[in-house]
Amino acid sequence: MSTPANIIPIRRPDVISLNLKGKSALYASWMPLLRGGGLFMQTNKPHQLGDEILVVLSFLEEPIKIPLTGKVAWLNPQHTTGSRPQGVGIQLPDNEVGKDLKKKIEGILAPVAKSDRATHTM
């Protein structure tokens, strides 16, 4: 059965699980320069800027996984400079979940916020 020419198929967002087990993993993935903050995720799957991704996030010792939907705002291609991993940066949503998560992460990373250590994106 073919799709009529005037109907555009709906593309479901990709789902990525992100488990950041320690502060160093959280630091390496955190993207404070994105408006509202963001998280970098390693993935081999090709994405475009603006793609919507559903992230199931667990970090540190948090017992609850946090589902959030964000948009791709950063791309690390397969052979990026500085031996950075291939993947995407997701901008946190501009809603209560995104704002609460940003506040929590910034609180956790406050002692190392001015660090010169490399991250997955810079």
PDB file of N, CA and C in Angstrom:
ATOM      1  N   MET A   1       0.847  -1.171   0.000  1.00  0.00           N
ATOM      2  CA  MET A   1       0.000   0.000   0.000  1.00  0.00           C
ATOM      3  C   MET A   1       0.896   1.239   0.000  1.00  0.00           C
ATOM      4  N   SER A   2       0.633   2.170  -0.847  1.00  0.00           N
ATOM      5  CA  SER A   2       1.466   3.367  -0.930  1.00  0.00           C
ATOM      6  C   SER A   2       0.811   4.528  -0.197  1.00  0.00           C
ATOM      7  N   THR A   3       1.642   5.501   0.182  1.00  0.00           N
ATOM      8  CA  THR A   3       1.159   6.696   0.874  1.00  0.00           C
ATOM      9  C   THR A   3       0.770   7.737  -0.159  1.00  0.00           C
ATOM     10  N   PRO A   4      -0.428   8.339  -0.029  1.00  0.00           N
ATOM     11  CA  PRO A   4      -0.820   9.402  -0.968  1.00  0.00           C
ATOM     12  C   PRO A   4       0.193  10.543  -0.936  1.00  0.00           C
ATOM     13  N   ALA A   5       0.369  11.208  -2.052  1.00  0.00           N
ATOM     14  CA  ALA A   5       1.385  12.245  -2.203  1.00  0.00           C
ATOM     15  C   ALA A   5       1.180  13.430  -1.252  1.00  0.00           C
ATOM     16  N   ASN A   6      -0.042  13.724  -0.850  1.00  0.00           N
ATOM     17  CA  ASN A   6      -0.284  14.892  -0.018  1.00  0.00           C
ATOM     18  C   ASN A   6      -0.199  14.593   1.485  1.00  0.00           C
ATOM     19  N   ILE A   7       0.103  13.367   1.861  1.00  0.00           N
ATOM     20  CA  ILE A   7       0.227  13.004   3.269  1.00  0.00           C
ATOM     21  C   ILE A   7       1.704  12.852   3.614  1.00  0.00           C
ATOM     22  N   ILE A   8       2.119  13.589   4.636  1.00  0.00           N
ATOM     23  CA  ILE A   8       3.499  13.518   5.097  1.00  0.00           C
ATOM     24  C   ILE A   8       3.543  12.569   6.287  1.00  0.00           C
ATOM     25  N   PRO A   9       4.363  11.530   6.214  1.00  0.00           N
ATOM     26  CA  PRO A   9       4.414  10.593   7.336  1.00  0.00           C
ATOM     27  C   PRO A   9       4.967  11.278   8.593  1.00  0.00           C
ATOM     28  N   ILE A  10       4.403  10.936   9.740  1.00  0.00           N
ATOM     29  CA  ILE A  10       4.856  11.496  11.010  1.00  0.00           C
ATOM     30  C   ILE A  10       6.068  10.705  11.483  1.00  0.00           C
ATOM     31  N   ARG A  11       7.116  11.427  11.826  1.00  0.00           N
ATOM     32  CA  ARG A  11       8.336  10.787  12.294  1.00  0.00           C
ATOM     33  C   ARG A  11       8.351  10.836  13.816  1.00  0.00           C
ATOM     34  N   ARG A  12       8.429   9.691  14.430  1.00  0.00           N
ATOM     35  CA  ARG A  12       8.504   9.627  15.879  1.00  0.00           C
ATOM     36  C   ARG A  12       9.901  10.017  16.336  1.00  0.00           C
ATOM     37  N   PRO A  13       9.992  10.664  17.497  1.00  0.00           N
ATOM     38  CA  PRO A  13      11.329  11.015  17.986  1.00  0.00           C
ATOM     39  C   PRO A  13      12.113   9.767  18.387  1.00  0.00           C
ATOM     40  N   ASP A  14      13.425   9.825  18.210  1.00  0.00           N
ATOM     41  CA  ASP A  14      14.285   8.745  18.680  1.00  0.00           C
ATOM     42  C   ASP A  14      14.256   8.733  20.193  1.00  0.00           C
ATOM     43  N   VAL A  15      14.529   7.578  20.776  1.00  0.00           N
ATOM     44  CA  VAL A  15      14.607   7.442  22.221  1.00  0.00           C
ATOM     45  C   VAL A  15      16.024   7.016  22.564  1.00  0.00           C
ATOM     46  N   ILE A  16      16.672   7.785  23.457  1.00  0.00           N
ATOM     47  CA  ILE A  16      18.033   7.487  23.877  1.00  0.00           C
ATOM     48  C   ILE A  16      18.067   7.436  25.399  1.00  0.00           C
ATOM     49  N   SER A  17      18.639   6.373  25.945  1.00  0.00           N
ATOM     50  CA  SER A  17      18.872   6.288  27.382  1.00  0.00           C
ATOM     51  C   SER A  17      20.244   6.881  27.670  1.00  0.00           C
ATOM     52  N   LEU A  18      20.290   7.744  28.657  1.00  0.00           N
ATOM     53  CA  LEU A  18      21.552   8.376  29.041  1.00  0.00           C
ATOM     54  C   LEU A  18      21.761   8.126  30.518  1.00  0.00           C
ATOM     55  N   ASN A  19      22.815   7.382  30.853  1.00  0.00           N
ATOM     56  CA  ASN A  19      23.126   7.061  32.229  1.00  0.00           C
ATOM     57  C   ASN A  19      24.478   7.680  32.577  1.00  0.00           C
ATOM     58  N   LEU A  20      24.445   8.709  33.398  1.00  0.00           N
ATOM     59  CA  LEU A  20      25.656   9.414  33.804  1.00  0.00           C
ATOM     60  C   LEU A  20      25.960   9.013  35.247  1.00  0.00           C
ATOM     61  N   LYS A  21      26.915   8.102  35.407  1.00  0.00           N
ATOM     62  CA  LYS A  21      27.133   7.472  36.711  1.00  0.00           C
ATOM     63  C   LYS A  21      27.936   8.298  37.705  1.00  0.00           C
ATOM     64  N   GLY A  22      28.713   9.224  37.270  1.00  0.00           N
ATOM     65  CA  GLY A  22      29.521  10.003  38.198  1.00  0.00           C
ATOM     66  C   GLY A  22      29.532  11.474  37.833  1.00  0.00           C
ATOM     67  N   LYS A  23      30.090  12.283  38.735  1.00  0.00           N
ATOM     68  CA  LYS A  23      30.149  13.723  38.476  1.00  0.00           C
ATOM     69  C   LYS A  23      30.990  14.031  37.246  1.00  0.00           C
ATOM     70  N   SER A  24      32.043  13.234  37.020  1.00  0.00           N
ATOM     71  CA  SER A  24      32.887  13.502  35.847  1.00  0.00           C
ATOM     72  C   SER A  24      32.119  13.229  34.554  1.00  0.00           C
ATOM     73  N   ALA A  25      31.270  12.213  34.534  1.00  0.00           N
ATOM     74  CA  ALA A  25      30.448  11.927  33.347  1.00  0.00           C
ATOM     75  C   ALA A  25      29.415  13.037  33.148  1.00  0.00           C
ATOM     76  N   LEU A  26      28.840  13.512  34.241  1.00  0.00           N
ATOM     77  CA  LEU A  26      27.872  14.605  34.151  1.00  0.00           C
ATOM     78  C   LEU A  26      28.552  15.871  33.651  1.00  0.00           C
ATOM     79  N   TYR A  27      29.750  16.155  34.180  1.00  0.00           N
ATOM     80  CA  TYR A  27      30.509  17.335  33.749  1.00  0.00           C
ATOM     81  C   TYR A  27      30.818  17.257  32.247  1.00  0.00           C
ATOM     82  N   ALA A  28      31.269  16.089  31.787  1.00  0.00           N
ATOM     83  CA  ALA A  28      31.652  15.930  30.381  1.00  0.00           C
ATOM     84  C   ALA A  28      30.454  16.070  29.442  1.00  0.00           C
ATOM     85  N   SER A  29      29.258  15.745  29.926  1.00  0.00           N
ATOM     86  CA  SER A  29      28.065  15.789  29.086  1.00  0.00           C
ATOM     87  C   SER A  29      27.291  17.098  29.183  1.00  0.00           C
ATOM     88  N   TRP A  30      27.496  17.845  30.252  1.00  0.00           N
ATOM     89  CA  TRP A  30      26.731  19.070  30.479  1.00  0.00           C
ATOM     90  C   TRP A  30      27.110  20.145  29.469  1.00  0.00           C
ATOM     91  N   MET A  31      26.106  20.834  28.915  1.00  0.00           N
ATOM     92  CA  MET A  31      26.320  21.872  27.912  1.00  0.00           C
ATOM     93  C   MET A  31      25.677  23.174  28.399  1.00  0.00           C
ATOM     94  N   PRO A  32      26.356  23.928  29.271  1.00  0.00           N
ATOM     95  CA  PRO A  32      25.770  25.138  29.843  1.00  0.00           C
ATOM     96  C   PRO A  32      25.598  26.277  28.843  1.00  0.00           C
ATOM     97  N   LEU A  33      26.308  26.224  27.726  1.00  0.00           N
ATOM     98  CA  LEU A  33      26.229  27.318  26.765  1.00  0.00           C
ATOM     99  C   LEU A  33      24.956  27.297  25.918  1.00  0.00           C
ATOM    100  N   LEU A  34      24.242  26.175  25.926  1.00  0.00           N
ATOM    101  CA  LEU A  34      22.959  26.135  25.216  1.00  0.00           C
ATOM    102  C   LEU A  34      21.925  26.862  26.064  1.00  0.00           C
ATOM    103  N   ARG A  35      21.055  27.626  25.425  1.00  0.00           N
ATOM    104  CA  ARG A  35      20.010  28.334  26.150  1.00  0.00           C
ATOM    105  C   ARG A  35      19.161  27.314  26.907  1.00  0.00           C
ATOM    106  N   GLY A  36      19.112  27.451  28.222  1.00  0.00           N
ATOM    107  CA  GLY A  36      18.377  26.509  29.055  1.00  0.00           C
ATOM    108  C   GLY A  36      19.187  25.280  29.429  1.00  0.00           C
ATOM    109  N   GLY A  37      20.416  25.180  28.920  1.00  0.00           N
ATOM    110  CA  GLY A  37      21.275  24.033  29.205  1.00  0.00           C
ATOM    111  C   GLY A  37      21.023  22.890  28.252  1.00  0.00           C
ATOM    112  N   GLY A  38      21.942  21.949  28.253  1.00  0.00           N
ATOM    113  CA  GLY A  38      21.801  20.791  27.377  1.00  0.00           C
ATOM    114  C   GLY A  38      22.677  19.653  27.839  1.00  0.00           C
ATOM    115  N   LEU A  39      22.479  18.507  27.232  1.00  0.00           N
ATOM    116  CA  LEU A  39      23.254  17.308  27.547  1.00  0.00           C
ATOM    117  C   LEU A  39      23.747  16.673  26.260  1.00  0.00           C
ATOM    118  N   PHE A  40      24.992  16.227  26.291  1.00  0.00           N
ATOM    119  CA  PHE A  40      25.579  15.533  25.146  1.00  0.00           C
ATOM    120  C   PHE A  40      25.376  14.038  25.331  1.00  0.00           C
ATOM    121  N   MET A  41      25.018  13.358  24.240  1.00  0.00           N
ATOM    122  CA  MET A  41      24.841  11.918  24.252  1.00  0.00           C
ATOM    123  C   MET A  41      25.626  11.282  23.128  1.00  0.00           C
ATOM    124  N   GLN A  42      26.371  10.256  23.457  1.00  0.00           N
ATOM    125  CA  GLN A  42      27.095   9.527  22.423  1.00  0.00           C
ATOM    126  C   GLN A  42      26.113   8.653  21.651  1.00  0.00           C
ATOM    127  N   THR A  43      26.188   8.738  20.341  1.00  0.00           N
ATOM    128  CA  THR A  43      25.351   7.906  19.478  1.00  0.00           C
ATOM    129  C   THR A  43      25.987   7.832  18.096  1.00  0.00           C
ATOM    130  N   ASN A  44      25.845   6.694  17.450  1.00  0.00           N
ATOM    131  CA  ASN A  44      26.341   6.518  16.076  1.00  0.00           C
ATOM    132  C   ASN A  44      25.259   6.860  15.068  1.00  0.00           C
ATOM    133  N   LYS A  45      24.026   6.961  15.521  1.00  0.00           N
ATOM    134  CA  LYS A  45      22.900   7.206  14.629  1.00  0.00           C
ATOM    135  C   LYS A  45      22.962   8.633  14.098  1.00  0.00           C
ATOM    136  N   PRO A  46      22.771   8.817  12.801  1.00  0.00           N
ATOM    137  CA  PRO A  46      22.824  10.169  12.242  1.00  0.00           C
ATOM    138  C   PRO A  46      21.596  10.987  12.662  1.00  0.00           C
ATOM    139  N   HIS A  47      21.818  12.239  13.008  1.00  0.00           N
ATOM    140  CA  HIS A  47      20.754  13.165  13.369  1.00  0.00           C
ATOM    141  C   HIS A  47      20.993  14.495  12.671  1.00  0.00           C
ATOM    142  N   GLN A  48      19.957  15.274  12.612  1.00  0.00           N
ATOM    143  CA  GLN A  48      20.018  16.619  12.046  1.00  0.00           C
ATOM    144  C   GLN A  48      19.754  17.616  13.160  1.00  0.00           C
ATOM    145  N   LEU A  49      20.270  18.821  13.018  1.00  0.00           N
ATOM    146  CA  LEU A  49      19.917  19.875  13.958  1.00  0.00           C
ATOM    147  C   LEU A  49      18.405  20.045  13.949  1.00  0.00           C
ATOM    148  N   GLY A  50      17.810  20.178  15.119  1.00  0.00           N
ATOM    149  CA  GLY A  50      16.374  20.348  15.235  1.00  0.00           C
ATOM    150  C   GLY A  50      15.594  19.060  15.423  1.00  0.00           C
ATOM    151  N   ASP A  51      16.238  17.891  15.199  1.00  0.00           N
ATOM    152  CA  ASP A  51      15.550  16.621  15.440  1.00  0.00           C
ATOM    153  C   ASP A  51      15.105  16.552  16.895  1.00  0.00           C
ATOM    154  N   GLU A  52      13.939  15.990  17.113  1.00  0.00           N
ATOM    155  CA  GLU A  52      13.436  15.805  18.469  1.00  0.00           C
ATOM    156  C   GLU A  52      13.862  14.431  18.976  1.00  0.00           C
ATOM    157  N   ILE A  53      14.346  14.399  20.222  1.00  0.00           N
ATOM    158  CA  ILE A  53      14.787  13.147  20.826  1.00  0.00           C
ATOM    159  C   ILE A  53      14.185  13.038  22.216  1.00  0.00           C
ATOM    160  N   LEU A  54      13.673  11.856  22.522  1.00  0.00           N
ATOM    161  CA  LEU A  54      13.196  11.565  23.865  1.00  0.00           C
ATOM    162  C   LEU A  54      14.361  10.954  24.627  1.00  0.00           C
ATOM    163  N   VAL A  55      14.737  11.588  25.722  1.00  0.00           N
ATOM    164  CA  VAL A  55      15.866  11.142  26.542  1.00  0.00           C
ATOM    165  C   VAL A  55      15.315  10.554  27.833  1.00  0.00           C
ATOM    166  N   VAL A  56      15.800   9.384  28.169  1.00  0.00           N
ATOM    167  CA  VAL A  56      15.501   8.798  29.472  1.00  0.00           C
ATOM    168  C   VAL A  56      16.802   8.904  30.256  1.00  0.00           C
ATOM    169  N   LEU A  57      16.831   9.848  31.189  1.00  0.00           N
ATOM    170  CA  LEU A  57      18.058  10.222  31.889  1.00  0.00           C
ATOM    171  C   LEU A  57      18.099   9.628  33.288  1.00  0.00           C
ATOM    172  N   SER A  58      19.226   9.036  33.606  1.00  0.00           N
ATOM    173  CA  SER A  58      19.510   8.670  34.994  1.00  0.00           C
ATOM    174  C   SER A  58      20.923   9.152  35.275  1.00  0.00           C
ATOM    175  N   PHE A  59      21.095   9.755  36.442  1.00  0.00           N
ATOM    176  CA  PHE A  59      22.436  10.226  36.768  1.00  0.00           C
ATOM    177  C   PHE A  59      22.704  10.146  38.256  1.00  0.00           C
ATOM    178  N   LEU A  60      24.007  10.002  38.531  1.00  0.00           N
ATOM    179  CA  LEU A  60      24.506   9.856  39.884  1.00  0.00           C
ATOM    180  C   LEU A  60      23.711   8.780  40.615  1.00  0.00           C
ATOM    181  N   GLU A  61      23.307   9.040  41.805  1.00  0.00           N
ATOM    182  CA  GLU A  61      22.597   8.030  42.602  1.00  0.00           C
ATOM    183  C   GLU A  61      21.083   8.250  42.594  1.00  0.00           C
ATOM    184  N   GLU A  62      20.587   9.059  41.657  1.00  0.00           N
ATOM    185  CA  GLU A  62      19.156   9.348  41.593  1.00  0.00           C
ATOM    186  C   GLU A  62      18.391   8.051  41.319  1.00  0.00           C
ATOM    187  N   PRO A  63      17.393   7.735  42.150  1.00  0.00           N
ATOM    188  CA  PRO A  63      16.644   6.489  41.952  1.00  0.00           C
ATOM    189  C   PRO A  63      15.613   6.567  40.817  1.00  0.00           C
ATOM    190  N   ILE A  64      15.253   7.779  40.415  1.00  0.00           N
ATOM    191  CA  ILE A  64      14.203   7.959  39.415  1.00  0.00           C
ATOM    192  C   ILE A  64      14.814   8.360  38.071  1.00  0.00           C
ATOM    193  N   LYS A  65      14.351   7.716  37.009  1.00  0.00           N
ATOM    194  CA  LYS A  65      14.768   8.103  35.662  1.00  0.00           C
ATOM    195  C   LYS A  65      13.909   9.277  35.224  1.00  0.00           C
ATOM    196  N   ILE A  66      14.541  10.234  34.551  1.00  0.00           N
ATOM    197  CA  ILE A  66      13.849  11.452  34.130  1.00  0.00           C
ATOM    198  C   ILE A  66      13.623  11.404  32.627  1.00  0.00           C
ATOM    199  N   PRO A  67      12.356  11.332  32.189  1.00  0.00           N
ATOM    200  CA  PRO A  67      12.083  11.398  30.751  1.00  0.00           C
ATOM    201  C   PRO A  67      11.954  12.862  30.331  1.00  0.00           C
ATOM    202  N   LEU A  68      12.621  13.227  29.257  1.00  0.00           N
ATOM    203  CA  LEU A  68      12.473  14.583  28.729  1.00  0.00           C
ATOM    204  C   LEU A  68      12.666  14.568  27.230  1.00  0.00           C
ATOM    205  N   THR A  69      12.009  15.503  26.589  1.00  0.00           N
ATOM    206  CA  THR A  69      12.125  15.629  25.142  1.00  0.00           C
ATOM    207  C   THR A  69      12.891  16.899  24.835  1.00  0.00           C
ATOM    208  N   GLY A  70      13.936  16.761  24.030  1.00  0.00           N
ATOM    209  CA  GLY A  70      14.735  17.920  23.645  1.00  0.00           C
ATOM    210  C   GLY A  70      15.019  17.894  22.164  1.00  0.00           C
ATOM    211  N   LYS A  71      15.594  18.971  21.687  1.00  0.00           N
ATOM    212  CA  LYS A  71      15.935  19.081  20.264  1.00  0.00           C
ATOM    213  C   LYS A  71      17.446  19.053  20.101  1.00  0.00           C
ATOM    214  N   VAL A  72      17.887  18.425  19.023  1.00  0.00           N
ATOM    215  CA  VAL A  72      19.313  18.373  18.718  1.00  0.00           C
ATOM    216  C   VAL A  72      19.797  19.786  18.406  1.00  0.00           C
ATOM    217  N   ALA A  73      20.785  20.239  19.185  1.00  0.00           N
ATOM    218  CA  ALA A  73      21.332  21.583  19.004  1.00  0.00           C
ATOM    219  C   ALA A  73      22.841  21.544  18.777  1.00  0.00           C
ATOM    220  N   TRP A  74      23.425  20.351  18.778  1.00  0.00           N
ATOM    221  CA  TRP A  74      24.872  20.202  18.614  1.00  0.00           C
ATOM    222  C   TRP A  74      25.147  18.856  17.971  1.00  0.00           C
ATOM    223  N   LEU A  75      26.097  18.824  17.052  1.00  0.00           N
ATOM    224  CA  LEU A  75      26.498  17.572  16.409  1.00  0.00           C
ATOM    225  C   LEU A  75      28.005  17.388  16.515  1.00  0.00           C
ATOM    226  N   ASN A  76      28.434  16.238  16.999  1.00  0.00           N
ATOM    227  CA  ASN A  76      29.830  15.827  16.900  1.00  0.00           C
ATOM    228  C   ASN A  76      29.864  14.746  15.832  1.00  0.00           C
ATOM    229  N   PRO A  77      30.468  15.025  14.673  1.00  0.00           N
ATOM    230  CA  PRO A  77      30.515  14.009  13.617  1.00  0.00           C
ATOM    231  C   PRO A  77      31.432  12.851  14.014  1.00  0.00           C
ATOM    232  N   GLN A  78      31.459  11.853  13.176  1.00  0.00           N
ATOM    233  CA  GLN A  78      32.213  10.634  13.461  1.00  0.00           C
ATOM    234  C   GLN A  78      33.696  10.906  13.718  1.00  0.00           C
ATOM    235  N   HIS A  79      34.326  11.713  12.929  1.00  0.00           N
ATOM    236  CA  HIS A  79      35.763  11.963  13.089  1.00  0.00           C
ATOM    237  C   HIS A  79      35.978  13.404  13.518  1.00  0.00           C
ATOM    238  N   THR A  80      35.553  13.718  14.709  1.00  0.00           N
ATOM    239  CA  THR A  80      35.655  15.079  15.207  1.00  0.00           C
ATOM    240  C   THR A  80      37.056  15.345  15.757  1.00  0.00           C
ATOM    241  N   THR A  81      37.420  16.607  15.881  1.00  0.00           N
ATOM    242  CA  THR A  81      38.740  16.961  16.399  1.00  0.00           C
ATOM    243  C   THR A  81      38.797  16.743  17.901  1.00  0.00           C
ATOM    244  N   GLY A  82      39.997  16.615  18.415  1.00  0.00           N
ATOM    245  CA  GLY A  82      40.200  16.483  19.850  1.00  0.00           C
ATOM    246  C   GLY A  82      39.746  15.151  20.423  1.00  0.00           C
ATOM    247  N   SER A  83      39.600  14.142  19.592  1.00  0.00           N
ATOM    248  CA  SER A  83      39.175  12.811  20.037  1.00  0.00           C
ATOM    249  C   SER A  83      37.859  12.836  20.808  1.00  0.00           C
ATOM    250  N   ARG A  84      36.993  13.737  20.442  1.00  0.00           N
ATOM    251  CA  ARG A  84      35.689  13.811  21.097  1.00  0.00           C
ATOM    252  C   ARG A  84      34.766  12.754  20.494  1.00  0.00           C
ATOM    253  N   PRO A  85      33.884  12.192  21.315  1.00  0.00           N
ATOM    254  CA  PRO A  85      33.027  11.112  20.815  1.00  0.00           C
ATOM    255  C   PRO A  85      31.952  11.604  19.853  1.00  0.00           C
ATOM    256  N   GLN A  86      31.553  10.720  18.969  1.00  0.00           N
ATOM    257  CA  GLN A  86      30.463  11.007  18.040  1.00  0.00           C
ATOM    258  C   GLN A  86      29.162  11.063  18.829  1.00  0.00           C
ATOM    259  N   GLY A  87      28.323  12.029  18.503  1.00  0.00           N
ATOM    260  CA  GLY A  87      27.040  12.104  19.181  1.00  0.00           C
ATOM    261  C   GLY A  87      26.340  13.425  18.962  1.00  0.00           C
ATOM    262  N   VAL A  88      25.347  13.686  19.814  1.00  0.00           N
ATOM    263  CA  VAL A  88      24.511  14.871  19.687  1.00  0.00           C
ATOM    264  C   VAL A  88      24.353  15.562  21.033  1.00  0.00           C
ATOM    265  N   GLY A  89      24.166  16.865  20.965  1.00  0.00           N
ATOM    266  CA  GLY A  89      23.831  17.654  22.139  1.00  0.00           C
ATOM    267  C   GLY A  89      22.368  18.011  22.069  1.00  0.00           C
ATOM    268  N   ILE A  90      21.658  17.743  23.135  1.00  0.00           N
ATOM    269  CA  ILE A  90      20.218  17.988  23.197  1.00  0.00           C
ATOM    270  C   ILE A  90      19.964  19.195  24.092  1.00  0.00           C
ATOM    271  N   GLN A  91      19.260  20.176  23.568  1.00  0.00           N
ATOM    272  CA  GLN A  91      18.873  21.341  24.360  1.00  0.00           C
ATOM    273  C   GLN A  91      17.726  20.938  25.271  1.00  0.00           C
ATOM    274  N   LEU A  92      17.858  21.248  26.563  1.00  0.00           N
ATOM    275  CA  LEU A  92      16.800  20.916  27.508  1.00  0.00           C
ATOM    276  C   LEU A  92      15.527  21.681  27.152  1.00  0.00           C
ATOM    277  N   PRO A  93      14.374  21.076  27.415  1.00  0.00           N
ATOM    278  CA  PRO A  93      13.122  21.749  27.087  1.00  0.00           C
ATOM    279  C   PRO A  93      12.885  22.960  27.978  1.00  0.00           C
ATOM    280  N   ASP A  94      12.185  23.938  27.451  1.00  0.00           N
ATOM    281  CA  ASP A  94      11.856  25.150  28.196  1.00  0.00           C
ATOM    282  C   ASP A  94      10.536  24.910  28.946  1.00  0.00           C
ATOM    283  N   ASN A  95      10.596  24.005  29.902  1.00  0.00           N
ATOM    284  CA  ASN A  95       9.428  23.701  30.730  1.00  0.00           C
ATOM    285  C   ASN A  95       9.914  23.406  32.150  1.00  0.00           C
ATOM    286  N   GLU A  96       9.004  23.047  33.011  1.00  0.00           N
ATOM    287  CA  GLU A  96       9.336  22.803  34.423  1.00  0.00           C
ATOM    288  C   GLU A  96      10.408  21.717  34.575  1.00  0.00           C
ATOM    289  N   VAL A  97      10.273  20.619  33.836  1.00  0.00           N
ATOM    290  CA  VAL A  97      11.238  19.517  33.926  1.00  0.00           C
ATOM    291  C   VAL A  97      12.629  20.000  33.525  1.00  0.00           C
ATOM    292  N   GLY A  98      12.729  20.701  32.394  1.00  0.00           N
ATOM    293  CA  GLY A  98      14.021  21.201  31.919  1.00  0.00           C
ATOM    294  C   GLY A  98      14.638  22.198  32.889  1.00  0.00           C
ATOM    295  N   LYS A  99      13.833  23.111  33.404  1.00  0.00           N
ATOM    296  CA  LYS A  99      14.348  24.128  34.333  1.00  0.00           C
ATOM    297  C   LYS A  99      14.790  23.509  35.652  1.00  0.00           C
ATOM    298  N   ASP A 100      14.018  22.550  36.166  1.00  0.00           N
ATOM    299  CA  ASP A 100      14.399  21.872  37.411  1.00  0.00           C
ATOM    300  C   ASP A 100      15.688  21.069  37.223  1.00  0.00           C
ATOM    301  N   LEU A 101      15.802  20.396  36.085  1.00  0.00           N
ATOM    302  CA  LEU A 101      16.996  19.603  35.810  1.00  0.00           C
ATOM    303  C   LEU A 101      18.226  20.497  35.695  1.00  0.00           C
ATOM    304  N   LYS A 102      18.086  21.612  34.993  1.00  0.00           N
ATOM    305  CA  LYS A 102      19.198  22.557  34.844  1.00  0.00           C
ATOM    306  C   LYS A 102      19.666  23.051  36.219  1.00  0.00           C
ATOM    307  N   LYS A 103      18.735  23.420  37.050  1.00  0.00           N
ATOM    308  CA  LYS A 103      19.053  23.923  38.387  1.00  0.00           C
ATOM    309  C   LYS A 103      19.778  22.856  39.212  1.00  0.00           C
ATOM    310  N   LYS A 104      19.286  21.623  39.128  1.00  0.00           N
ATOM    311  CA  LYS A 104      19.890  20.521  39.869  1.00  0.00           C
ATOM    312  C   LYS A 104      21.319  20.246  39.386  1.00  0.00           C
ATOM    313  N   ILE A 105      21.504  20.180  38.073  1.00  0.00           N
ATOM    314  CA  ILE A 105      22.832  19.903  37.515  1.00  0.00           C
ATOM    315  C   ILE A 105      23.807  21.027  37.859  1.00  0.00           C
ATOM    316  N   GLU A 106      23.374  22.275  37.727  1.00  0.00           N
ATOM    317  CA  GLU A 106      24.259  23.395  38.060  1.00  0.00           C
ATOM    318  C   GLU A 106      24.655  23.370  39.538  1.00  0.00           C
ATOM    319  N   GLY A 107      23.741  22.949  40.407  1.00  0.00           N
ATOM    320  CA  GLY A 107      24.065  22.819  41.820  1.00  0.00           C
ATOM    321  C   GLY A 107      25.112  21.746  42.070  1.00  0.00           C
ATOM    322  N   ILE A 108      24.979  20.625  41.389  1.00  0.00           N
ATOM    323  CA  ILE A 108      25.932  19.524  41.528  1.00  0.00           C
ATOM    324  C   ILE A 108      27.302  19.917  40.992  1.00  0.00           C
ATOM    325  N   LEU A 109      27.320  20.623  39.863  1.00  0.00           N
ATOM    326  CA  LEU A 109      28.586  20.961  39.200  1.00  0.00           C
ATOM    327  C   LEU A 109      29.178  22.298  39.641  1.00  0.00           C
ATOM    328  N   ALA A 110      28.536  23.009  40.556  1.00  0.00           N
ATOM    329  CA  ALA A 110      29.018  24.326  40.989  1.00  0.00           C
ATOM    330  C   ALA A 110      30.488  24.324  41.406  1.00  0.00           C
ATOM    331  N   PRO A 111      30.969  23.325  42.155  1.00  0.00           N
ATOM    332  CA  PRO A 111      32.383  23.347  42.554  1.00  0.00           C
ATOM    333  C   PRO A 111      33.380  23.255  41.392  1.00  0.00           C
ATOM    334  N   VAL A 112      32.955  22.727  40.253  1.00  0.00           N
ATOM    335  CA  VAL A 112      33.874  22.579  39.109  1.00  0.00           C
ATOM    336  C   VAL A 112      33.434  23.401  37.906  1.00  0.00           C
ATOM    337  N   ALA A 113      32.510  24.328  38.105  1.00  0.00           N
ATOM    338  CA  ALA A 113      31.948  25.101  36.994  1.00  0.00           C
ATOM    339  C   ALA A 113      33.001  25.873  36.203  1.00  0.00           C
ATOM    340  N   LYS A 114      34.044  26.348  36.830  1.00  0.00           N
ATOM    341  CA  LYS A 114      35.073  27.147  36.154  1.00  0.00           C
ATOM    342  C   LYS A 114      36.266  26.286  35.707  1.00  0.00           C
ATOM    343  N   SER A 115      36.105  24.977  35.720  1.00  0.00           N
ATOM    344  CA  SER A 115      37.193  24.072  35.371  1.00  0.00           C
ATOM    345  C   SER A 115      37.605  24.216  33.901  1.00  0.00           C
ATOM    346  N   ASP A 116      38.865  23.946  33.641  1.00  0.00           N
ATOM    347  CA  ASP A 116      39.378  23.954  32.259  1.00  0.00           C
ATOM    348  C   ASP A 116      39.378  22.557  31.646  1.00  0.00           C
ATOM    349  N   ARG A 117      38.845  21.571  32.378  1.00  0.00           N
ATOM    350  CA  ARG A 117      38.809  20.200  31.861  1.00  0.00           C
ATOM    351  C   ARG A 117      37.961  20.148  30.600  1.00  0.00           C
ATOM    352  N   ALA A 118      38.392  19.338  29.665  1.00  0.00           N
ATOM    353  CA  ALA A 118      37.657  19.181  28.410  1.00  0.00           C
ATOM    354  C   ALA A 118      36.346  18.439  28.656  1.00  0.00           C
ATOM    355  N   THR A 119      35.373  18.752  27.819  1.00  0.00           N
ATOM    356  CA  THR A 119      34.093  18.035  27.842  1.00  0.00           C
ATOM    357  C   THR A 119      33.930  17.301  26.524  1.00  0.00           C
ATOM    358  N   HIS A 120      32.815  16.660  26.332  1.00  0.00           N
ATOM    359  CA  HIS A 120      32.572  15.956  25.062  1.00  0.00           C
ATOM    360  C   HIS A 120      32.356  16.902  23.906  1.00  0.00           C
ATOM    361  N   THR A 121      32.119  18.201  24.208  1.00  0.00           N
ATOM    362  CA  THR A 121      31.816  19.139  23.132  1.00  0.00           C
ATOM    363  C   THR A 121      32.833  20.266  22.997  1.00  0.00           C
ATOM    364  N   MET A 122      33.537  20.607  24.045  1.00  0.00           N
ATOM    365  CA  MET A 122      34.495  21.728  23.972  1.00  0.00           C
ATOM    366  C   MET A 122      35.758  21.407  24.724  1.00  0.00           C
TER     367      MET A 122
END
